[in-house]
Amino acid sequence: MKLSLSQLTQLWQRRLTDRVPVQYLVGVTPWRNFSLKVASGVLIPRPETELIIDFAVEAVQKSPVPNLGSGHWVDLGTGSGAIAIGLATVFPEAKIHAVDYSGDALTIAQENVTNLGLFSRIHFYQGYWWTPLERLKDQISGLVSNPPYIPTGRLSQLQPEVRDHEPSLALDGGEDGLEAIRYLVETTPNYLQSGGIWLIEMMAGQGEKVAQLLEDSCHYHQIKILPDLAGIERFALAYRR
């Protein structure tokens, strides 16, 4: 996309005065080895989230369950489609299912998937978390998700670029930030096959609580809290018993 000097000046002015994220201004953002369309209806995929795909691959490699990488994989709260696309690229034989409550987000995700030639590989559903996937109970090889995890009371403290422009639906994790994560801990055992992978992103400082939730559920084992590239506890991994 080529822009004139006057157009670039206007965009930069919006960036300075309205604190609009650069990614929304230009309409695209890099993520792993591809470019994704983004707009105000979706969370901007962060570089630290890229590692979640590598951890999914590593979890499959370490699992004794055969053909785990070629089964059904799910991205709940897909947003721009980043995680679903990442899964499709590393698990070429898998069936990828991407769910989002927001119709605007799904429109953008579908456009990204089409642009990358993956439309036949990824199936989209609009609905609340697992609800559209009832038919896949006990069949899922892996859940990979970046759910909302910021405590409601901290939303007002976020940078203006995030607070004023990114969708609160993708940010607000309820009073303690764990509302969505708690739901995923409780409901995912109904969908994962034995040995299936549960892998999510979380906020720094939530690791101990998330690990305890998984432990208390009694449905998971080999629970691990994993760091991002900065060494910050960012991901939680577990296997279905």
C-alpha atoms as a PDB file:
ATOM      1  CA  MET A   1       0.000   0.000   0.000  1.00  0.00           C
ATOM      2  CA  LYS A   2       1.538   3.285  -1.140  1.00  0.00           C
ATOM      3  CA  LEU A   3       0.529   6.499   0.592  1.00  0.00           C
ATOM      4  CA  SER A   4       1.230  10.081  -0.352  1.00  0.00           C
ATOM      5  CA  LEU A   5       3.104  12.401   1.973  1.00  0.00           C
ATOM      6  CA  SER A   6      -0.120  14.226   2.856  1.00  0.00           C
ATOM      7  CA  GLN A   7      -1.852  10.937   3.691  1.00  0.00           C
ATOM      8  CA  LEU A   8       1.074   9.870   5.878  1.00  0.00           C
ATOM      9  CA  THR A   9       0.980  13.232   7.635  1.00  0.00           C
ATOM     10  CA  GLN A  10      -2.736  12.833   8.359  1.00  0.00           C
ATOM     11  CA  LEU A  11      -2.226   9.353   9.747  1.00  0.00           C
ATOM     12  CA  TRP A  12       0.602  10.489  11.981  1.00  0.00           C
ATOM     13  CA  GLN A  13      -1.516  13.362  13.250  1.00  0.00           C
ATOM     14  CA  ARG A  14      -4.224  10.884  14.258  1.00  0.00           C
ATOM     15  CA  ARG A  15      -1.576   8.807  15.953  1.00  0.00           C
ATOM     16  CA  LEU A  16      -0.401  11.790  17.997  1.00  0.00           C
ATOM     17  CA  THR A  17      -3.747  13.395  18.844  1.00  0.00           C
ATOM     18  CA  ASP A  18      -6.058  10.370  19.208  1.00  0.00           C
ATOM     19  CA  ARG A  19      -3.404   7.805  20.237  1.00  0.00           C
ATOM     20  CA  VAL A  20      -4.664   5.420  17.557  1.00  0.00           C
ATOM     21  CA  PRO A  21      -2.413   2.334  17.329  1.00  0.00           C
ATOM     22  CA  VAL A  22      -0.170   2.370  14.276  1.00  0.00           C
ATOM     23  CA  GLN A  23      -1.452  -1.078  13.316  1.00  0.00           C
ATOM     24  CA  TYR A  24      -5.007   0.244  13.028  1.00  0.00           C
ATOM     25  CA  LEU A  25      -3.842   3.241  11.040  1.00  0.00           C
ATOM     26  CA  VAL A  26      -2.066   1.156   8.401  1.00  0.00           C
ATOM     27  CA  GLY A  27      -4.553  -1.711   8.634  1.00  0.00           C
ATOM     28  CA  VAL A  28      -2.019  -4.551   8.897  1.00  0.00           C
ATOM     29  CA  THR A  29       0.404  -6.030  11.404  1.00  0.00           C
ATOM     30  CA  PRO A  30       3.152  -8.668  11.089  1.00  0.00           C
ATOM     31  CA  TRP A  31       2.735 -11.856  13.121  1.00  0.00           C
ATOM     32  CA  ARG A  32       5.065 -14.829  12.876  1.00  0.00           C
ATOM     33  CA  ASN A  33       5.877 -15.089   9.169  1.00  0.00           C
ATOM     34  CA  PHE A  34       2.760 -13.483   7.707  1.00  0.00           C
ATOM     35  CA  SER A  35       0.860 -10.184   7.648  1.00  0.00           C
ATOM     36  CA  LEU A  36      -2.615  -9.855   9.113  1.00  0.00           C
ATOM     37  CA  LYS A  37      -5.335  -7.330   8.501  1.00  0.00           C
ATOM     38  CA  VAL A  38      -6.415  -5.616  11.719  1.00  0.00           C
ATOM     39  CA  ALA A  39      -9.084  -3.058  12.565  1.00  0.00           C
ATOM     40  CA  SER A  40     -10.726  -1.752  15.714  1.00  0.00           C
ATOM     41  CA  GLY A  41     -12.979  -4.827  15.883  1.00  0.00           C
ATOM     42  CA  VAL A  42     -10.082  -7.129  16.768  1.00  0.00           C
ATOM     43  CA  LEU A  43      -7.276  -7.225  19.284  1.00  0.00           C
ATOM     44  CA  ILE A  44      -3.888  -6.466  17.715  1.00  0.00           C
ATOM     45  CA  PRO A  45      -1.864  -9.727  17.798  1.00  0.00           C
ATOM     46  CA  ARG A  46       1.219  -9.224  19.981  1.00  0.00           C
ATOM     47  CA  PRO A  47       4.697 -10.577  19.245  1.00  0.00           C
ATOM     48  CA  GLU A  48       4.768 -12.412  22.595  1.00  0.00           C
ATOM     49  CA  THR A  49       1.711 -14.435  21.545  1.00  0.00           C
ATOM     50  CA  GLU A  50       3.666 -15.904  18.609  1.00  0.00           C
ATOM     51  CA  LEU A  51       5.360 -18.343  21.000  1.00  0.00           C
ATOM     52  CA  ILE A  52       2.073 -20.073  21.782  1.00  0.00           C
ATOM     53  CA  ILE A  53       2.255 -21.813  18.399  1.00  0.00           C
ATOM     54  CA  ASP A  54       5.752 -23.106  19.101  1.00  0.00           C
ATOM     55  CA  PHE A  55       4.616 -24.401  22.492  1.00  0.00           C
ATOM     56  CA  ALA A  56       1.731 -26.217  20.799  1.00  0.00           C
ATOM     57  CA  VAL A  57       4.192 -27.955  18.469  1.00  0.00           C
ATOM     58  CA  GLU A  58       6.466 -28.866  21.367  1.00  0.00           C
ATOM     59  CA  ALA A  59       3.508 -30.217  23.359  1.00  0.00           C
ATOM     60  CA  VAL A  60       2.534 -32.493  20.472  1.00  0.00           C
ATOM     61  CA  GLN A  61       6.097 -33.731  20.104  1.00  0.00           C
ATOM     62  CA  LYS A  62       6.286 -34.609  23.802  1.00  0.00           C
ATOM     63  CA  SER A  63       2.896 -36.319  23.901  1.00  0.00           C
ATOM     64  CA  PRO A  64       2.643 -40.121  23.788  1.00  0.00           C
ATOM     65  CA  VAL A  65      -0.713 -39.821  21.998  1.00  0.00           C
ATOM     66  CA  PRO A  66      -0.272 -40.706  18.294  1.00  0.00           C
ATOM     67  CA  ASN A  67      -1.416 -38.364  15.523  1.00  0.00           C
ATOM     68  CA  LEU A  68      -2.306 -35.567  17.956  1.00  0.00           C
ATOM     69  CA  GLY A  69      -1.168 -32.972  15.422  1.00  0.00           C
ATOM     70  CA  SER A  70      -3.567 -34.208  12.754  1.00  0.00           C
ATOM     71  CA  GLY A  71      -6.818 -34.085  14.733  1.00  0.00           C
ATOM     72  CA  HIS A  72      -9.229 -31.269  15.607  1.00  0.00           C
ATOM     73  CA  TRP A  73      -7.610 -28.086  16.957  1.00  0.00           C
ATOM     74  CA  VAL A  74      -9.566 -25.154  18.330  1.00  0.00           C
ATOM     75  CA  ASP A  75      -8.866 -21.437  18.700  1.00  0.00           C
ATOM     76  CA  LEU A  76     -11.480 -19.903  21.003  1.00  0.00           C
ATOM     77  CA  GLY A  77     -11.744 -16.114  20.762  1.00  0.00           C
ATOM     78  CA  THR A  78      -9.932 -16.093  17.437  1.00  0.00           C
ATOM     79  CA  GLY A  79     -10.058 -12.316  16.825  1.00  0.00           C
ATOM     80  CA  SER A  80      -7.951 -11.638  13.737  1.00  0.00           C
ATOM     81  CA  GLY A  81      -7.488 -15.373  13.235  1.00  0.00           C
ATOM     82  CA  ALA A  82      -3.808 -15.249  14.187  1.00  0.00           C
ATOM     83  CA  ILE A  83      -3.686 -18.365  16.358  1.00  0.00           C
ATOM     84  CA  ALA A  84      -5.891 -20.391  14.003  1.00  0.00           C
ATOM     85  CA  ILE A  85      -3.640 -19.430  11.087  1.00  0.00           C
ATOM     86  CA  GLY A  86      -0.537 -20.268  13.096  1.00  0.00           C
ATOM     87  CA  LEU A  87      -1.966 -23.689  13.956  1.00  0.00           C
ATOM     88  CA  ALA A  88      -2.865 -24.362  10.334  1.00  0.00           C
ATOM     89  CA  THR A  89       0.701 -23.655   9.232  1.00  0.00           C
ATOM     90  CA  VAL A  90       2.384 -25.957  11.774  1.00  0.00           C
ATOM     91  CA  PHE A  91      -0.226 -28.738  11.685  1.00  0.00           C
ATOM     92  CA  PRO A  92      -0.963 -29.095   7.952  1.00  0.00           C
ATOM     93  CA  GLU A  93      -3.062 -32.239   8.445  1.00  0.00           C
ATOM     94  CA  ALA A  94      -5.188 -30.854  11.297  1.00  0.00           C
ATOM     95  CA  LYS A  95      -8.747 -29.588  11.134  1.00  0.00           C
ATOM     96  CA  ILE A  96      -8.767 -26.066  12.612  1.00  0.00           C
ATOM     97  CA  HIS A  97     -11.883 -24.603  14.233  1.00  0.00           C
ATOM     98  CA  ALA A  98     -11.987 -20.874  15.078  1.00  0.00           C
ATOM     99  CA  VAL A  99     -14.710 -19.375  17.281  1.00  0.00           C
ATOM    100  CA  ASP A 100     -15.501 -15.777  18.178  1.00  0.00           C
ATOM    101  CA  TYR A 101     -18.494 -14.031  19.698  1.00  0.00           C
ATOM    102  CA  SER A 102     -17.921 -10.970  17.512  1.00  0.00           C
ATOM    103  CA  GLY A 103     -19.180 -11.007  13.944  1.00  0.00           C
ATOM    104  CA  ASP A 104     -16.850  -8.116  13.084  1.00  0.00           C
ATOM    105  CA  ALA A 105     -13.859 -10.123  14.289  1.00  0.00           C
ATOM    106  CA  LEU A 106     -14.886 -13.168  12.270  1.00  0.00           C
ATOM    107  CA  THR A 107     -15.189 -11.057   9.110  1.00  0.00           C
ATOM    108  CA  ILE A 108     -11.599  -9.873   9.528  1.00  0.00           C
ATOM    109  CA  ALA A 109     -10.354 -13.360  10.438  1.00  0.00           C
ATOM    110  CA  GLN A 110     -11.993 -14.870   7.357  1.00  0.00           C
ATOM    111  CA  GLU A 111     -10.415 -12.213   5.158  1.00  0.00           C
ATOM    112  CA  ASN A 112      -6.984 -12.987   6.634  1.00  0.00           C
ATOM    113  CA  VAL A 113      -7.441 -16.694   6.072  1.00  0.00           C
ATOM    114  CA  THR A 114      -8.580 -16.139   2.483  1.00  0.00           C
ATOM    115  CA  ASN A 115      -5.628 -13.841   1.763  1.00  0.00           C
ATOM    116  CA  LEU A 116      -3.248 -16.529   3.003  1.00  0.00           C
ATOM    117  CA  GLY A 117      -4.865 -19.308   0.983  1.00  0.00           C
ATOM    118  CA  LEU A 118      -6.046 -21.224   4.060  1.00  0.00           C
ATOM    119  CA  PHE A 119      -9.818 -20.841   3.762  1.00  0.00           C
ATOM    120  CA  SER A 120     -10.397 -24.553   3.126  1.00  0.00           C
ATOM    121  CA  ARG A 121      -8.365 -25.458   6.222  1.00  0.00           C
ATOM    122  CA  ILE A 122     -10.017 -23.307   8.875  1.00  0.00           C
ATOM    123  CA  HIS A 123     -13.697 -23.461   9.871  1.00  0.00           C
ATOM    124  CA  PHE A 124     -15.301 -20.428  11.517  1.00  0.00           C
ATOM    125  CA  TYR A 125     -18.138 -20.252  14.029  1.00  0.00           C
ATOM    126  CA  GLN A 126     -19.859 -17.324  15.721  1.00  0.00           C
ATOM    127  CA  GLY A 127     -20.837 -18.000  19.293  1.00  0.00           C
ATOM    128  CA  TYR A 128     -19.878 -18.168  22.958  1.00  0.00           C
ATOM    129  CA  TRP A 129     -16.694 -20.151  23.510  1.00  0.00           C
ATOM    130  CA  TRP A 130     -17.390 -23.904  23.117  1.00  0.00           C
ATOM    131  CA  THR A 131     -21.095 -23.544  22.351  1.00  0.00           C
ATOM    132  CA  PRO A 132     -20.859 -23.899  18.537  1.00  0.00           C
ATOM    133  CA  LEU A 133     -18.711 -27.055  18.866  1.00  0.00           C
ATOM    134  CA  GLU A 134     -21.010 -29.350  20.851  1.00  0.00           C
ATOM    135  CA  ARG A 135     -20.700 -32.025  18.159  1.00  0.00           C
ATOM    136  CA  LEU A 136     -16.946 -32.300  18.820  1.00  0.00           C
ATOM    137  CA  LYS A 137     -17.106 -33.322  22.481  1.00  0.00           C
ATOM    138  CA  ASP A 138     -14.307 -35.729  23.446  1.00  0.00           C
ATOM    139  CA  GLN A 139     -12.716 -35.304  19.996  1.00  0.00           C
ATOM    140  CA  ILE A 140     -10.483 -32.231  20.322  1.00  0.00           C
ATOM    141  CA  SER A 141      -6.715 -32.744  20.102  1.00  0.00           C
ATOM    142  CA  GLY A 142      -5.864 -29.282  21.353  1.00  0.00           C
ATOM    143  CA  LEU A 143      -7.279 -25.985  22.574  1.00  0.00           C
ATOM    144  CA  VAL A 144      -5.074 -22.933  22.028  1.00  0.00           C
ATOM    145  CA  SER A 145      -6.507 -19.595  23.127  1.00  0.00           C
ATOM    146  CA  ASN A 146      -5.647 -16.023  24.054  1.00  0.00           C
ATOM    147  CA  PRO A 147      -8.711 -15.178  26.187  1.00  0.00           C
ATOM    148  CA  PRO A 148      -9.424 -11.851  27.901  1.00  0.00           C
ATOM    149  CA  TYR A 149      -7.447 -11.783  31.154  1.00  0.00           C
ATOM    150  CA  ILE A 150      -7.163  -8.185  32.358  1.00  0.00           C
ATOM    151  CA  PRO A 151      -9.063  -7.443  35.607  1.00  0.00           C
ATOM    152  CA  THR A 152     -11.939  -5.047  34.958  1.00  0.00           C
ATOM    153  CA  GLY A 153     -10.612  -2.543  37.459  1.00  0.00           C
ATOM    154  CA  ARG A 154      -7.311  -2.260  35.602  1.00  0.00           C
ATOM    155  CA  LEU A 155      -8.763  -1.488  32.168  1.00  0.00           C
ATOM    156  CA  SER A 156      -8.829   2.248  32.872  1.00  0.00           C
ATOM    157  CA  GLN A 157      -5.098   2.126  33.660  1.00  0.00           C
ATOM    158  CA  LEU A 158      -4.126   0.725  30.268  1.00  0.00           C
ATOM    159  CA  GLN A 159      -2.345   2.840  27.678  1.00  0.00           C
ATOM    160  CA  PRO A 160      -4.783   4.973  25.625  1.00  0.00           C
ATOM    161  CA  GLU A 161      -3.880   2.998  22.493  1.00  0.00           C
ATOM    162  CA  VAL A 162      -5.299  -0.106  24.136  1.00  0.00           C
ATOM    163  CA  ARG A 163      -7.961   1.320  26.452  1.00  0.00           C
ATOM    164  CA  ASP A 164      -9.604   3.611  23.902  1.00  0.00           C
ATOM    165  CA  HIS A 165      -9.251   1.627  20.694  1.00  0.00           C
ATOM    166  CA  GLU A 166      -8.971  -2.125  21.193  1.00  0.00           C
ATOM    167  CA  PRO A 167     -12.187  -4.102  21.850  1.00  0.00           C
ATOM    168  CA  SER A 168     -12.996  -4.466  25.547  1.00  0.00           C
ATOM    169  CA  LEU A 169     -14.560  -7.840  24.760  1.00  0.00           C
ATOM    170  CA  ALA A 170     -11.054  -9.139  24.051  1.00  0.00           C
ATOM    171  CA  LEU A 171      -9.508  -7.496  27.132  1.00  0.00           C
ATOM    172  CA  ASP A 172     -11.918  -7.637  30.083  1.00  0.00           C
ATOM    173  CA  GLY A 173     -11.332 -10.776  32.139  1.00  0.00           C
ATOM    174  CA  GLY A 174     -13.808  -9.906  34.867  1.00  0.00           C
ATOM    175  CA  GLU A 175     -13.184  -8.853  38.458  1.00  0.00           C
ATOM    176  CA  ASP A 176     -10.027 -10.912  38.967  1.00  0.00           C
ATOM    177  CA  GLY A 177      -9.068 -11.294  35.307  1.00  0.00           C
ATOM    178  CA  LEU A 178      -9.666 -15.041  35.422  1.00  0.00           C
ATOM    179  CA  GLU A 179     -13.325 -15.248  34.439  1.00  0.00           C
ATOM    180  CA  ALA A 180     -12.725 -16.604  30.918  1.00  0.00           C
ATOM    181  CA  ILE A 181      -9.761 -18.735  31.988  1.00  0.00           C
ATOM    182  CA  ARG A 182     -11.790 -20.279  34.802  1.00  0.00           C
ATOM    183  CA  TYR A 183     -14.524 -21.113  32.290  1.00  0.00           C
ATOM    184  CA  LEU A 184     -12.022 -22.743  29.934  1.00  0.00           C
ATOM    185  CA  VAL A 185     -10.540 -24.807  32.760  1.00  0.00           C
ATOM    186  CA  GLU A 186     -14.000 -26.038  33.756  1.00  0.00           C
ATOM    187  CA  THR A 187     -15.512 -26.744  30.334  1.00  0.00           C
ATOM    188  CA  THR A 188     -12.635 -27.913  28.149  1.00  0.00           C
ATOM    189  CA  PRO A 189     -12.438 -31.440  29.647  1.00  0.00           C
ATOM    190  CA  ASN A 190     -15.809 -32.087  27.992  1.00  0.00           C
ATOM    191  CA  TYR A 191     -14.210 -31.509  24.592  1.00  0.00           C
ATOM    192  CA  LEU A 192     -10.594 -32.672  24.800  1.00  0.00           C
ATOM    193  CA  GLN A 193      -9.740 -36.273  24.064  1.00  0.00           C
ATOM    194  CA  SER A 194      -7.637 -38.089  26.637  1.00  0.00           C
ATOM    195  CA  GLY A 195      -4.117 -36.687  26.302  1.00  0.00           C
ATOM    196  CA  GLY A 196      -5.396 -33.581  24.523  1.00  0.00           C
ATOM    197  CA  ILE A 197      -3.614 -30.265  24.986  1.00  0.00           C
ATOM    198  CA  TRP A 198      -4.896 -27.216  26.903  1.00  0.00           C
ATOM    199  CA  LEU A 199      -2.767 -24.134  26.139  1.00  0.00           C
ATOM    200  CA  ILE A 200      -3.638 -20.506  26.833  1.00  0.00           C
ATOM    201  CA  GLU A 201      -2.056 -17.092  27.194  1.00  0.00           C
ATOM    202  CA  MET A 202      -2.471 -15.227  30.484  1.00  0.00           C
ATOM    203  CA  MET A 203      -1.345 -12.047  32.192  1.00  0.00           C
ATOM    204  CA  ALA A 204       1.944 -11.795  34.058  1.00  0.00           C
ATOM    205  CA  GLY A 205       1.352 -12.743  37.681  1.00  0.00           C
ATOM    206  CA  GLN A 206      -1.562 -15.098  37.022  1.00  0.00           C
ATOM    207  CA  GLY A 207       0.522 -18.257  36.630  1.00  0.00           C
ATOM    208  CA  GLU A 208       0.207 -19.593  40.171  1.00  0.00           C
ATOM    209  CA  LYS A 209      -3.563 -19.097  40.248  1.00  0.00           C
ATOM    210  CA  VAL A 210      -4.081 -20.656  36.806  1.00  0.00           C
ATOM    211  CA  ALA A 211      -1.941 -23.651  37.736  1.00  0.00           C
ATOM    212  CA  GLN A 212      -4.008 -24.088  40.901  1.00  0.00           C
ATOM    213  CA  LEU A 213      -7.254 -23.934  38.930  1.00  0.00           C
ATOM    214  CA  LEU A 214      -5.984 -26.680  36.642  1.00  0.00           C
ATOM    215  CA  GLU A 215      -4.778 -28.770  39.585  1.00  0.00           C
ATOM    216  CA  ASP A 216      -8.046 -28.373  41.488  1.00  0.00           C
ATOM    217  CA  SER A 217     -10.093 -29.487  38.493  1.00  0.00           C
ATOM    218  CA  CYS A 218      -8.521 -32.984  38.638  1.00  0.00           C
ATOM    219  CA  HIS A 219      -8.957 -33.320  34.854  1.00  0.00           C
ATOM    220  CA  TYR A 220      -5.439 -32.214  33.912  1.00  0.00           C
ATOM    221  CA  HIS A 221      -1.873 -33.328  34.476  1.00  0.00           C
ATOM    222  CA  GLN A 222       1.653 -32.275  33.443  1.00  0.00           C
ATOM    223  CA  ILE A 223       0.703 -28.679  34.209  1.00  0.00           C
ATOM    224  CA  LYS A 224       3.327 -26.119  33.246  1.00  0.00           C
ATOM    225  CA  ILE A 225       3.618 -22.337  33.346  1.00  0.00           C
ATOM    226  CA  LEU A 226       5.755 -21.157  30.427  1.00  0.00           C
ATOM    227  CA  PRO A 227       7.619 -17.864  29.864  1.00  0.00           C
ATOM    228  CA  ASP A 228       7.622 -15.531  26.882  1.00  0.00           C
ATOM    229  CA  LEU A 229      10.839 -14.288  25.273  1.00  0.00           C
ATOM    230  CA  ALA A 230      11.260 -11.720  28.053  1.00  0.00           C
ATOM    231  CA  GLY A 231      11.125 -14.450  30.698  1.00  0.00           C
ATOM    232  CA  ILE A 232       7.671 -13.369  31.895  1.00  0.00           C
ATOM    233  CA  GLU A 233       5.212 -16.123  32.826  1.00  0.00           C
ATOM    234  CA  ARG A 234       2.814 -15.857  29.891  1.00  0.00           C
ATOM    235  CA  PHE A 235       1.346 -19.273  29.021  1.00  0.00           C
ATOM    236  CA  ALA A 236      -0.276 -22.205  30.805  1.00  0.00           C
ATOM    237  CA  LEU A 237      -0.039 -25.716  29.386  1.00  0.00           C
ATOM    238  CA  ALA A 238      -1.711 -28.921  30.542  1.00  0.00           C
ATOM    239  CA  TYR A 239      -2.816 -32.288  29.184  1.00  0.00           C
ATOM    240  CA  ARG A 240      -6.241 -33.852  29.608  1.00  0.00           C
ATOM    241  CA  ARG A 241      -6.152 -36.947  31.815  1.00  0.00           C
END
